[in-house]
Amino acid sequence: MPTRRIAQIVHLKPSAVAAYKECHANVWPEVLQQIKDCNIRDYSIFFDNDRTIFATFKYVGDDFDGDMAKMKANPKVREWWAMTDGMQESPIPGAVSSAEGPGWWKVLDEVFYTD
């Protein structure tokens, strides 16, 4: 199966910039392991200094929905999401959290790629 490239955005609360950067400088080992176990590679998060956080990663597995269900089922990941969601504002209408609702990060359409 070909690699799937995914890009997403979410907004950071201005009061949470320092805390968000600090927690991402020390991501919990259980979260990092679950990301790897769910076939996510080359994962980066960028901040544009104007509230928008941009994330990009490659999915190298063959069951994206199944892997994301495994991610969501991990209690440590859910704890991480609860912490980081409190620092963010979702651009998704009706968003509740990373763990519930229609999604938290807005997935972007790829308009150009070259290898």
PDB file of N, CA and C in Angstrom:
ATOM      1  N   MET A   1       0.848  -1.182   0.000  1.00  0.00           N
ATOM      2  CA  MET A   1       0.000   0.000   0.000  1.00  0.00           C
ATOM      3  C   MET A   1       0.894   1.245   0.000  1.00  0.00           C
ATOM      4  N   PRO A   2       0.554   2.237  -0.802  1.00  0.00           N
ATOM      5  CA  PRO A   2       1.379   3.448  -0.844  1.00  0.00           C
ATOM      6  C   PRO A   2       1.261   4.255   0.448  1.00  0.00           C
ATOM      7  N   THR A   3       2.293   5.008   0.716  1.00  0.00           N
ATOM      8  CA  THR A   3       2.297   5.881   1.880  1.00  0.00           C
ATOM      9  C   THR A   3       1.220   6.947   1.719  1.00  0.00           C
ATOM     10  N   ARG A   4       0.518   7.205   2.785  1.00  0.00           N
ATOM     11  CA  ARG A   4      -0.517   8.246   2.794  1.00  0.00           C
ATOM     12  C   ARG A   4       0.040   9.450   3.551  1.00  0.00           C
ATOM     13  N   ARG A   5       0.049  10.605   2.918  1.00  0.00           N
ATOM     14  CA  ARG A   5       0.529  11.836   3.554  1.00  0.00           C
ATOM     15  C   ARG A   5      -0.668  12.595   4.111  1.00  0.00           C
ATOM     16  N   ILE A   6      -0.571  13.011   5.364  1.00  0.00           N
ATOM     17  CA  ILE A   6      -1.678  13.693   6.024  1.00  0.00           C
ATOM     18  C   ILE A   6      -1.179  15.007   6.607  1.00  0.00           C
ATOM     19  N   ALA A   7      -1.960  16.062   6.399  1.00  0.00           N
ATOM     20  CA  ALA A   7      -1.669  17.370   6.978  1.00  0.00           C
ATOM     21  C   ALA A   7      -2.925  17.858   7.696  1.00  0.00           C
ATOM     22  N   GLN A   8      -2.723  18.484   8.855  1.00  0.00           N
ATOM     23  CA  GLN A   8      -3.841  18.933   9.676  1.00  0.00           C
ATOM     24  C   GLN A   8      -3.513  20.274  10.323  1.00  0.00           C
ATOM     25  N   ILE A   9      -4.571  21.014  10.674  1.00  0.00           N
ATOM     26  CA  ILE A   9      -4.373  22.242  11.449  1.00  0.00           C
ATOM     27  C   ILE A   9      -5.328  22.270  12.639  1.00  0.00           C
ATOM     28  N   VAL A  10      -4.921  23.016  13.651  1.00  0.00           N
ATOM     29  CA  VAL A  10      -5.746  23.340  14.807  1.00  0.00           C
ATOM     30  C   VAL A  10      -5.227  24.683  15.310  1.00  0.00           C
ATOM     31  N   HIS A  11      -6.003  25.366  16.122  1.00  0.00           N
ATOM     32  CA  HIS A  11      -5.583  26.675  16.634  1.00  0.00           C
ATOM     33  C   HIS A  11      -5.131  26.550  18.085  1.00  0.00           C
ATOM     34  N   LEU A  12      -4.097  27.268  18.417  1.00  0.00           N
ATOM     35  CA  LEU A  12      -3.558  27.272  19.770  1.00  0.00           C
ATOM     36  C   LEU A  12      -4.072  28.500  20.507  1.00  0.00           C
ATOM     37  N   LYS A  13      -4.501  28.307  21.745  1.00  0.00           N
ATOM     38  CA  LYS A  13      -4.909  29.442  22.570  1.00  0.00           C
ATOM     39  C   LYS A  13      -3.666  30.282  22.858  1.00  0.00           C
ATOM     40  N   PRO A  14      -3.745  31.598  22.694  1.00  0.00           N
ATOM     41  CA  PRO A  14      -2.564  32.449  22.924  1.00  0.00           C
ATOM     42  C   PRO A  14      -1.929  32.251  24.297  1.00  0.00           C
ATOM     43  N   SER A  15      -2.740  31.980  25.296  1.00  0.00           N
ATOM     44  CA  SER A  15      -2.219  31.798  26.653  1.00  0.00           C
ATOM     45  C   SER A  15      -1.495  30.467  26.841  1.00  0.00           C
ATOM     46  N   ALA A  16      -1.572  29.574  25.854  1.00  0.00           N
ATOM     47  CA  ALA A  16      -1.031  28.227  26.011  1.00  0.00           C
ATOM     48  C   ALA A  16       0.228  27.956  25.196  1.00  0.00           C
ATOM     49  N   VAL A  17       0.758  28.949  24.513  1.00  0.00           N
ATOM     50  CA  VAL A  17       1.893  28.722  23.614  1.00  0.00           C
ATOM     51  C   VAL A  17       3.074  28.093  24.344  1.00  0.00           C
ATOM     52  N   ALA A  18       3.497  28.678  25.439  1.00  0.00           N
ATOM     53  CA  ALA A  18       4.672  28.167  26.164  1.00  0.00           C
ATOM     54  C   ALA A  18       4.426  26.758  26.685  1.00  0.00           C
ATOM     55  N   ALA A  19       3.262  26.511  27.262  1.00  0.00           N
ATOM     56  CA  ALA A  19       2.951  25.184  27.806  1.00  0.00           C
ATOM     57  C   ALA A  19       2.882  24.137  26.701  1.00  0.00           C
ATOM     58  N   TYR A  20       2.321  24.505  25.549  1.00  0.00           N
ATOM     59  CA  TYR A  20       2.212  23.570  24.431  1.00  0.00           C
ATOM     60  C   TYR A  20       3.595  23.177  23.921  1.00  0.00           C
ATOM     61  N   LYS A  21       4.448  24.167  23.758  1.00  0.00           N
ATOM     62  CA  LYS A  21       5.813  23.877  23.301  1.00  0.00           C
ATOM     63  C   LYS A  21       6.561  23.040  24.328  1.00  0.00           C
ATOM     64  N   GLU A  22       6.368  23.336  25.605  1.00  0.00           N
ATOM     65  CA  GLU A  22       7.054  22.589  26.662  1.00  0.00           C
ATOM     66  C   GLU A  22       6.619  21.125  26.692  1.00  0.00           C
ATOM     67  N   CYS A  23       5.329  20.865  26.619  1.00  0.00           N
ATOM     68  CA  CYS A  23       4.886  19.466  26.678  1.00  0.00           C
ATOM     69  C   CYS A  23       5.333  18.697  25.435  1.00  0.00           C
ATOM     70  N   HIS A  24       5.427  19.371  24.292  1.00  0.00           N
ATOM     71  CA  HIS A  24       5.879  18.680  23.087  1.00  0.00           C
ATOM     72  C   HIS A  24       7.394  18.506  23.030  1.00  0.00           C
ATOM     73  N   ALA A  25       8.105  19.195  23.890  1.00  0.00           N
ATOM     74  CA  ALA A  25       9.547  18.953  24.025  1.00  0.00           C
ATOM     75  C   ALA A  25       9.804  17.701  24.854  1.00  0.00           C
ATOM     76  N   ASN A  26       8.749  17.212  25.526  1.00  0.00           N
ATOM     77  CA  ASN A  26       8.859  16.037  26.398  1.00  0.00           C
ATOM     78  C   ASN A  26       7.633  15.145  26.248  1.00  0.00           C
ATOM     79  N   VAL A  27       7.375  14.698  25.036  1.00  0.00           N
ATOM     80  CA  VAL A  27       6.208  13.843  24.790  1.00  0.00           C
ATOM     81  C   VAL A  27       6.377  12.534  25.561  1.00  0.00           C
ATOM     82  N   TRP A  28       5.298  12.094  26.181  1.00  0.00           N
ATOM     83  CA  TRP A  28       5.338  10.874  26.990  1.00  0.00           C
ATOM     84  C   TRP A  28       5.729   9.673  26.129  1.00  0.00           C
ATOM     85  N   PRO A  29       6.588   8.802  26.651  1.00  0.00           N
ATOM     86  CA  PRO A  29       7.043   7.629  25.878  1.00  0.00           C
ATOM     87  C   PRO A  29       5.891   6.748  25.393  1.00  0.00           C
ATOM     88  N   GLU A  30       4.851   6.605  26.199  1.00  0.00           N
ATOM     89  CA  GLU A  30       3.714   5.766  25.806  1.00  0.00           C
ATOM     90  C   GLU A  30       3.003   6.342  24.581  1.00  0.00           C
ATOM     91  N   VAL A  31       2.951   7.649  24.491  1.00  0.00           N
ATOM     92  CA  VAL A  31       2.318   8.301  23.339  1.00  0.00           C
ATOM     93  C   VAL A  31       3.178   8.102  22.094  1.00  0.00           C
ATOM     94  N   LEU A  32       4.480   8.306  22.244  1.00  0.00           N
ATOM     95  CA  LEU A  32       5.391   8.096  21.107  1.00  0.00           C
ATOM     96  C   LEU A  32       5.334   6.659  20.605  1.00  0.00           C
ATOM     97  N   GLN A  33       5.265   5.698  21.535  1.00  0.00           N
ATOM     98  CA  GLN A  33       5.203   4.291  21.134  1.00  0.00           C
ATOM     99  C   GLN A  33       3.903   3.987  20.397  1.00  0.00           C
ATOM    100  N   GLN A  34       2.786   4.540  20.887  1.00  0.00           N
ATOM    101  CA  GLN A  34       1.504   4.293  20.227  1.00  0.00           C
ATOM    102  C   GLN A  34       1.487   4.894  18.827  1.00  0.00           C
ATOM    103  N   ILE A  35       2.075   6.069  18.662  1.00  0.00           N
ATOM    104  CA  ILE A  35       2.168   6.678  17.332  1.00  0.00           C
ATOM    105  C   ILE A  35       2.894   5.723  16.386  1.00  0.00           C
ATOM    106  N   LYS A  36       4.019   5.202  16.835  1.00  0.00           N
ATOM    107  CA  LYS A  36       4.795   4.268  16.008  1.00  0.00           C
ATOM    108  C   LYS A  36       4.006   2.986  15.740  1.00  0.00           C
ATOM    109  N   ASP A  37       3.378   2.438  16.788  1.00  0.00           N
ATOM    110  CA  ASP A  37       2.612   1.197  16.648  1.00  0.00           C
ATOM    111  C   ASP A  37       1.427   1.354  15.694  1.00  0.00           C
ATOM    112  N   CYS A  38       0.953   2.572  15.518  1.00  0.00           N
ATOM    113  CA  CYS A  38      -0.179   2.841  14.621  1.00  0.00           C
ATOM    114  C   CYS A  38       0.277   3.260  13.226  1.00  0.00           C
ATOM    115  N   ASN A  39       1.533   2.932  12.905  1.00  0.00           N
ATOM    116  CA  ASN A  39       2.060   3.114  11.543  1.00  0.00           C
ATOM    117  C   ASN A  39       2.166   4.569  11.104  1.00  0.00           C
ATOM    118  N   ILE A  40       2.409   5.459  12.051  1.00  0.00           N
ATOM    119  CA  ILE A  40       2.630   6.869  11.741  1.00  0.00           C
ATOM    120  C   ILE A  40       4.128   7.120  11.771  1.00  0.00           C
ATOM    121  N   ARG A  41       4.617   7.753  10.724  1.00  0.00           N
ATOM    122  CA  ARG A  41       6.046   8.058  10.598  1.00  0.00           C
ATOM    123  C   ARG A  41       6.214   9.514  10.171  1.00  0.00           C
ATOM    124  N   ASP A  42       7.418  10.014  10.356  1.00  0.00           N
ATOM    125  CA  ASP A  42       7.786  11.351   9.858  1.00  0.00           C
ATOM    126  C   ASP A  42       6.774  12.404  10.318  1.00  0.00           C
ATOM    127  N   TYR A  43       6.460  12.377  11.616  1.00  0.00           N
ATOM    128  CA  TYR A  43       5.433  13.239  12.202  1.00  0.00           C
ATOM    129  C   TYR A  43       6.077  14.517  12.719  1.00  0.00           C
ATOM    130  N   SER A  44       5.585  15.652  12.259  1.00  0.00           N
ATOM    131  CA  SER A  44       6.082  16.957  12.702  1.00  0.00           C
ATOM    132  C   SER A  44       4.912  17.873  13.004  1.00  0.00           C
ATOM    133  N   ILE A  45       5.109  18.756  13.983  1.00  0.00           N
ATOM    134  CA  ILE A  45       4.134  19.799  14.288  1.00  0.00           C
ATOM    135  C   ILE A  45       4.858  21.138  14.207  1.00  0.00           C
ATOM    136  N   PHE A  46       4.235  22.090  13.510  1.00  0.00           N
ATOM    137  CA  PHE A  46       4.802  23.429  13.337  1.00  0.00           C
ATOM    138  C   PHE A  46       3.826  24.460  13.895  1.00  0.00           C
ATOM    139  N   PHE A  47       4.363  25.575  14.368  1.00  0.00           N
ATOM    140  CA  PHE A  47       3.554  26.676  14.893  1.00  0.00           C
ATOM    141  C   PHE A  47       3.909  27.944  14.137  1.00  0.00           C
ATOM    142  N   ASP A  48       2.892  28.663  13.660  1.00  0.00           N
ATOM    143  CA  ASP A  48       3.171  29.843  12.830  1.00  0.00           C
ATOM    144  C   ASP A  48       3.219  31.152  13.619  1.00  0.00           C
ATOM    145  N   ASN A  49       3.216  31.084  14.938  1.00  0.00           N
ATOM    146  CA  ASN A  49       3.251  32.265  15.806  1.00  0.00           C
ATOM    147  C   ASN A  49       2.024  33.152  15.652  1.00  0.00           C
ATOM    148  N   ASP A  50       0.976  32.637  15.067  1.00  0.00           N
ATOM    149  CA  ASP A  50      -0.276  33.377  14.941  1.00  0.00           C
ATOM    150  C   ASP A  50      -1.453  32.441  15.197  1.00  0.00           C
ATOM    151  N   ARG A  51      -1.295  31.556  16.155  1.00  0.00           N
ATOM    152  CA  ARG A  51      -2.338  30.639  16.621  1.00  0.00           C
ATOM    153  C   ARG A  51      -2.447  29.324  15.856  1.00  0.00           C
ATOM    154  N   THR A  52      -2.029  29.233  14.628  1.00  0.00           N
ATOM    155  CA  THR A  52      -2.230  28.000  13.873  1.00  0.00           C
ATOM    156  C   THR A  52      -1.096  27.013  14.110  1.00  0.00           C
ATOM    157  N   ILE A  53      -1.493  25.784  14.396  1.00  0.00           N
ATOM    158  CA  ILE A  53      -0.554  24.669  14.505  1.00  0.00           C
ATOM    159  C   ILE A  53      -0.784  23.803  13.269  1.00  0.00           C
ATOM    160  N   PHE A  54       0.282  23.456  12.604  1.00  0.00           N
ATOM    161  CA  PHE A  54       0.232  22.640  11.393  1.00  0.00           C
ATOM    162  C   PHE A  54       0.973  21.342  11.685  1.00  0.00           C
ATOM    163  N   ALA A  55       0.306  20.216  11.456  1.00  0.00           N
ATOM    164  CA  ALA A  55       0.931  18.911  11.661  1.00  0.00           C
ATOM    165  C   ALA A  55       0.948  18.152  10.347  1.00  0.00           C
ATOM    166  N   THR A  56       2.002  17.397  10.147  1.00  0.00           N
ATOM    167  CA  THR A  56       2.099  16.551   8.961  1.00  0.00           C
ATOM    168  C   THR A  56       2.732  15.226   9.356  1.00  0.00           C
ATOM    169  N   PHE A  57       2.225  14.157   8.765  1.00  0.00           N
ATOM    170  CA  PHE A  57       2.804  12.842   9.011  1.00  0.00           C
ATOM    171  C   PHE A  57       2.514  11.925   7.838  1.00  0.00           C
ATOM    172  N   LYS A  58       3.222  10.813   7.830  1.00  0.00           N
ATOM    173  CA  LYS A  58       3.001   9.784   6.821  1.00  0.00           C
ATOM    174  C   LYS A  58       2.401   8.568   7.508  1.00  0.00           C
ATOM    175  N   TYR A  59       1.365   8.015   6.893  1.00  0.00           N
ATOM    176  CA  TYR A  59       0.761   6.781   7.376  1.00  0.00           C
ATOM    177  C   TYR A  59       1.233   5.659   6.468  1.00  0.00           C
ATOM    178  N   VAL A  60       1.884   4.651   7.046  1.00  0.00           N
ATOM    179  CA  VAL A  60       2.489   3.585   6.252  1.00  0.00           C
ATOM    180  C   VAL A  60       1.796   2.234   6.429  1.00  0.00           C
ATOM    181  N   GLY A  61       0.672   2.204   7.121  1.00  0.00           N
ATOM    182  CA  GLY A  61      -0.045   0.955   7.345  1.00  0.00           C
ATOM    183  C   GLY A  61      -1.059   0.674   6.253  1.00  0.00           C
ATOM    184  N   ASP A  62      -1.922  -0.327   6.503  1.00  0.00           N
ATOM    185  CA  ASP A  62      -2.945  -0.683   5.518  1.00  0.00           C
ATOM    186  C   ASP A  62      -4.362  -0.644   6.098  1.00  0.00           C
ATOM    187  N   ASP A  63      -4.507  -0.136   7.332  1.00  0.00           N
ATOM    188  CA  ASP A  63      -5.824  -0.010   7.960  1.00  0.00           C
ATOM    189  C   ASP A  63      -5.848   1.263   8.809  1.00  0.00           C
ATOM    190  N   PHE A  64      -5.958   2.403   8.136  1.00  0.00           N
ATOM    191  CA  PHE A  64      -5.900   3.693   8.821  1.00  0.00           C
ATOM    192  C   PHE A  64      -6.966   3.795   9.913  1.00  0.00           C
ATOM    193  N   ASP A  65      -8.212   3.464   9.576  1.00  0.00           N
ATOM    194  CA  ASP A  65      -9.290   3.577  10.562  1.00  0.00           C
ATOM    195  C   ASP A  65      -9.044   2.665  11.762  1.00  0.00           C
ATOM    196  N   GLY A  66      -8.569   1.452  11.507  1.00  0.00           N
ATOM    197  CA  GLY A  66      -8.264   0.528  12.596  1.00  0.00           C
ATOM    198  C   GLY A  66      -7.136   1.028  13.476  1.00  0.00           C
ATOM    199  N   ASP A  67      -6.098   1.553  12.846  1.00  0.00           N
ATOM    200  CA  ASP A  67      -4.977   2.087  13.622  1.00  0.00           C
ATOM    201  C   ASP A  67      -5.401   3.308  14.436  1.00  0.00           C
ATOM    202  N   MET A  68      -6.247   4.156  13.868  1.00  0.00           N
ATOM    203  CA  MET A  68      -6.700   5.325  14.619  1.00  0.00           C
ATOM    204  C   MET A  68      -7.607   4.909  15.780  1.00  0.00           C
ATOM    205  N   ALA A  69      -8.359   3.813  15.610  1.00  0.00           N
ATOM    206  CA  ALA A  69      -9.168   3.287  16.715  1.00  0.00           C
ATOM    207  C   ALA A  69      -8.261   2.783  17.840  1.00  0.00           C
ATOM    208  N   LYS A  70      -7.151   2.142  17.483  1.00  0.00           N
ATOM    209  CA  LYS A  70      -6.181   1.697  18.498  1.00  0.00           C
ATOM    210  C   LYS A  70      -5.587   2.892  19.229  1.00  0.00           C
ATOM    211  N   MET A  71      -5.267   3.935  18.477  1.00  0.00           N
ATOM    212  CA  MET A  71      -4.725   5.151  19.084  1.00  0.00           C
ATOM    213  C   MET A  71      -5.725   5.707  20.093  1.00  0.00           C
ATOM    214  N   LYS A  72      -6.969   5.820  19.664  1.00  0.00           N
ATOM    215  CA  LYS A  72      -8.020   6.398  20.500  1.00  0.00           C
ATOM    216  C   LYS A  72      -8.300   5.553  21.741  1.00  0.00           C
ATOM    217  N   ALA A  73      -8.080   4.251  21.662  1.00  0.00           N
ATOM    218  CA  ALA A  73      -8.362   3.351  22.783  1.00  0.00           C
ATOM    219  C   ALA A  73      -7.277   3.372  23.856  1.00  0.00           C
ATOM    220  N   ASN A  74      -6.121   3.931  23.556  1.00  0.00           N
ATOM    221  CA  ASN A  74      -5.010   3.937  24.508  1.00  0.00           C
ATOM    222  C   ASN A  74      -5.275   4.977  25.601  1.00  0.00           C
ATOM    223  N   PRO A  75      -5.381   4.549  26.869  1.00  0.00           N
ATOM    224  CA  PRO A  75      -5.681   5.499  27.951  1.00  0.00           C
ATOM    225  C   PRO A  75      -4.641   6.611  28.099  1.00  0.00           C
ATOM    226  N   LYS A  76      -3.382   6.312  27.869  1.00  0.00           N
ATOM    227  CA  LYS A  76      -2.341   7.336  28.005  1.00  0.00           C
ATOM    228  C   LYS A  76      -2.457   8.367  26.880  1.00  0.00           C
ATOM    229  N   VAL A  77      -2.795   7.915  25.680  1.00  0.00           N
ATOM    230  CA  VAL A  77      -3.015   8.841  24.561  1.00  0.00           C
ATOM    231  C   VAL A  77      -4.218   9.737  24.865  1.00  0.00           C
ATOM    232  N   ARG A  78      -5.275   9.148  25.400  1.00  0.00           N
ATOM    233  CA  ARG A  78      -6.468   9.938  25.742  1.00  0.00           C
ATOM    234  C   ARG A  78      -6.138  10.980  26.813  1.00  0.00           C
ATOM    235  N   GLU A  79      -5.297  10.613  27.759  1.00  0.00           N
ATOM    236  CA  GLU A  79      -4.861  11.561  28.788  1.00  0.00           C
ATOM    237  C   GLU A  79      -4.056  12.703  28.153  1.00  0.00           C
ATOM    238  N   TRP A  80      -3.167  12.354  27.220  1.00  0.00           N
ATOM    239  CA  TRP A  80      -2.374  13.359  26.497  1.00  0.00           C
ATOM    240  C   TRP A  80      -3.294  14.301  25.719  1.00  0.00           C
ATOM    241  N   TRP A  81      -4.255  13.712  25.004  1.00  0.00           N
ATOM    242  CA  TRP A  81      -5.192  14.524  24.229  1.00  0.00           C
ATOM    243  C   TRP A  81      -5.981  15.466  25.129  1.00  0.00           C
ATOM    244  N   ALA A  82      -6.440  14.993  26.287  1.00  0.00           N
ATOM    245  CA  ALA A  82      -7.198  15.845  27.208  1.00  0.00           C
ATOM    246  C   ALA A  82      -6.353  17.043  27.630  1.00  0.00           C
ATOM    247  N   MET A  83      -5.070  16.800  27.871  1.00  0.00           N
ATOM    248  CA  MET A  83      -4.176  17.884  28.258  1.00  0.00           C
ATOM    249  C   MET A  83      -3.980  18.867  27.102  1.00  0.00           C
ATOM    250  N   THR A  84      -3.640  18.358  25.927  1.00  0.00           N
ATOM    251  CA  THR A  84      -3.329  19.254  24.809  1.00  0.00           C
ATOM    252  C   THR A  84      -4.581  19.901  24.215  1.00  0.00           C
ATOM    253  N   ASP A  85      -5.717  19.204  24.220  1.00  0.00           N
ATOM    254  CA  ASP A  85      -6.958  19.810  23.718  1.00  0.00           C
ATOM    255  C   ASP A  85      -7.302  21.075  24.498  1.00  0.00           C
ATOM    256  N   GLY A  86      -7.000  21.081  25.786  1.00  0.00           N
ATOM    257  CA  GLY A  86      -7.276  22.249  26.614  1.00  0.00           C
ATOM    258  C   GLY A  86      -6.461  23.467  26.212  1.00  0.00           C
ATOM    259  N   MET A  87      -5.414  23.250  25.438  1.00  0.00           N
ATOM    260  CA  MET A  87      -4.560  24.340  24.964  1.00  0.00           C
ATOM    261  C   MET A  87      -4.958  24.811  23.566  1.00  0.00           C
ATOM    262  N   GLN A  88      -5.910  24.101  22.965  1.00  0.00           N
ATOM    263  CA  GLN A  88      -6.246  24.329  21.559  1.00  0.00           C
ATOM    264  C   GLN A  88      -7.698  24.757  21.384  1.00  0.00           C
ATOM    265  N   GLU A  89      -7.982  25.280  20.197  1.00  0.00           N
ATOM    266  CA  GLU A  89      -9.344  25.555  19.750  1.00  0.00           C
ATOM    267  C   GLU A  89      -9.494  24.913  18.375  1.00  0.00           C
ATOM    268  N   SER A  90     -10.462  24.033  18.256  1.00  0.00           N
ATOM    269  CA  SER A  90     -10.646  23.307  16.999  1.00  0.00           C
ATOM    270  C   SER A  90     -11.356  24.160  15.951  1.00  0.00           C
ATOM    271  N   PRO A  91     -10.920  24.055  14.686  1.00  0.00           N
ATOM    272  CA  PRO A  91     -11.637  24.723  13.596  1.00  0.00           C
ATOM    273  C   PRO A  91     -12.810  23.895  13.061  1.00  0.00           C
ATOM    274  N   ILE A  92     -13.044  22.715  13.639  1.00  0.00           N
ATOM    275  CA  ILE A  92     -14.102  21.814  13.176  1.00  0.00           C
ATOM    276  C   ILE A  92     -15.427  22.184  13.848  1.00  0.00           C
ATOM    277  N   PRO A  93     -16.469  22.499  13.078  1.00  0.00           N
ATOM    278  CA  PRO A  93     -17.773  22.787  13.687  1.00  0.00           C
ATOM    279  C   PRO A  93     -18.264  21.594  14.513  1.00  0.00           C
ATOM    280  N   GLY A  94     -18.699  21.853  15.721  1.00  0.00           N
ATOM    281  CA  GLY A  94     -19.216  20.803  16.587  1.00  0.00           C
ATOM    282  C   GLY A  94     -18.161  19.955  17.257  1.00  0.00           C
ATOM    283  N   ALA A  95     -16.896  20.327  17.133  1.00  0.00           N
ATOM    284  CA  ALA A  95     -15.820  19.542  17.750  1.00  0.00           C
ATOM    285  C   ALA A  95     -15.988  19.518  19.264  1.00  0.00           C
ATOM    286  N   VAL A  96     -15.739  18.347  19.830  1.00  0.00           N
ATOM    287  CA  VAL A  96     -15.855  18.154  21.273  1.00  0.00           C
ATOM    288  C   VAL A  96     -14.470  17.955  21.881  1.00  0.00           C
ATOM    289  N   SER A  97     -13.702  17.048  21.280  1.00  0.00           N
ATOM    290  CA  SER A  97     -12.352  16.741  21.752  1.00  0.00           C
ATOM    291  C   SER A  97     -11.671  15.851  20.716  1.00  0.00           C
ATOM    292  N   SER A  98     -10.404  15.555  20.947  1.00  0.00           N
ATOM    293  CA  SER A  98      -9.695  14.624  20.058  1.00  0.00           C
ATOM    294  C   SER A  98     -10.273  13.221  20.153  1.00  0.00           C
ATOM    295  N   ALA A  99     -10.841  12.882  21.313  1.00  0.00           N
ATOM    296  CA  ALA A  99     -11.332  11.527  21.546  1.00  0.00           C
ATOM    297  C   ALA A  99     -12.798  11.341  21.165  1.00  0.00           C
ATOM    298  N   GLU A 100     -13.560  12.417  21.078  1.00  0.00           N
ATOM    299  CA  GLU A 100     -15.001  12.315  20.827  1.00  0.00           C
ATOM    300  C   GLU A 100     -15.420  13.326  19.762  1.00  0.00           C
ATOM    301  N   GLY A 101     -16.570  13.073  19.156  1.00  0.00           N
ATOM    302  CA  GLY A 101     -17.123  14.036  18.209  1.00  0.00           C
ATOM    303  C   GLY A 101     -16.584  13.873  16.803  1.00  0.00           C
ATOM    304  N   PRO A 102     -16.776  14.908  15.976  1.00  0.00           N
ATOM    305  CA  PRO A 102     -16.457  14.812  14.549  1.00  0.00           C
ATOM    306  C   PRO A 102     -14.975  14.982  14.211  1.00  0.00           C
ATOM    307  N   GLY A 103     -14.133  15.067  15.200  1.00  0.00           N
ATOM    308  CA  GLY A 103     -12.709  15.307  14.972  1.00  0.00           C
ATOM    309  C   GLY A 103     -12.298  16.596  15.643  1.00  0.00           C
ATOM    310  N   TRP A 104     -11.017  16.801  15.797  1.00  0.00           N
ATOM    311  CA  TRP A 104     -10.496  17.976  16.482  1.00  0.00           C
ATOM    312  C   TRP A 104      -9.595  18.783  15.554  1.00  0.00           C
ATOM    313  N   TRP A 105      -8.659  18.096  14.904  1.00  0.00           N
ATOM    314  CA  TRP A 105      -7.768  18.737  13.932  1.00  0.00           C
ATOM    315  C   TRP A 105      -8.455  18.707  12.570  1.00  0.00           C
ATOM    316  N   LYS A 106      -8.357  19.792  11.819  1.00  0.00           N
ATOM    317  CA  LYS A 106      -8.920  19.859  10.466  1.00  0.00           C
ATOM    318  C   LYS A 106      -7.919  19.265   9.484  1.00  0.00           C
ATOM    319  N   VAL A 107      -8.350  18.241   8.742  1.00  0.00           N
ATOM    320  CA  VAL A 107      -7.500  17.597   7.742  1.00  0.00           C
ATOM    321  C   VAL A 107      -7.511  18.460   6.479  1.00  0.00           C
ATOM    322  N   LEU A 108      -6.334  18.690   5.929  1.00  0.00           N
ATOM    323  CA  LEU A 108      -6.189  19.535   4.745  1.00  0.00           C
ATOM    324  C   LEU A 108      -6.091  18.693   3.476  1.00  0.00           C
ATOM    325  N   ASP A 109      -6.582  19.238   2.388  1.00  0.00           N
ATOM    326  CA  ASP A 109      -6.464  18.581   1.089  1.00  0.00           C
ATOM    327  C   ASP A 109      -5.077  18.854   0.514  1.00  0.00           C
ATOM    328  N   GLU A 110      -4.451  17.815   0.006  1.00  0.00           N
ATOM    329  CA  GLU A 110      -3.157  17.985  -0.656  1.00  0.00           C
ATOM    330  C   GLU A 110      -3.401  18.540  -2.057  1.00  0.00           C
ATOM    331  N   VAL A 111      -2.738  19.637  -2.385  1.00  0.00           N
ATOM    332  CA  VAL A 111      -2.909  20.239  -3.711  1.00  0.00           C
ATOM    333  C   VAL A 111      -1.662  20.109  -4.576  1.00  0.00           C
ATOM    334  N   PHE A 112      -0.549  19.705  -3.983  1.00  0.00           N
ATOM    335  CA  PHE A 112       0.674  19.518  -4.762  1.00  0.00           C
ATOM    336  C   PHE A 112       1.602  18.582  -4.014  1.00  0.00           C
ATOM    337  N   TYR A 113       2.284  17.727  -4.779  1.00  0.00           N
ATOM    338  CA  TYR A 113       3.301  16.845  -4.226  1.00  0.00           C
ATOM    339  C   TYR A 113       4.315  16.535  -5.317  1.00  0.00           C
ATOM    340  N   THR A 114       5.569  16.526  -4.959  1.00  0.00           N
ATOM    341  CA  THR A 114       6.611  16.018  -5.843  1.00  0.00           C
ATOM    342  C   THR A 114       7.608  15.265  -4.991  1.00  0.00           C
ATOM    343  N   ASP A 115       8.143  14.213  -5.537  1.00  0.00           N
ATOM    344  CA  ASP A 115       9.093  13.388  -4.799  1.00  0.00           C
ATOM    345  C   ASP A 115      10.484  13.610  -5.352  1.00  0.00           C
TER     346      ASP A 115
END
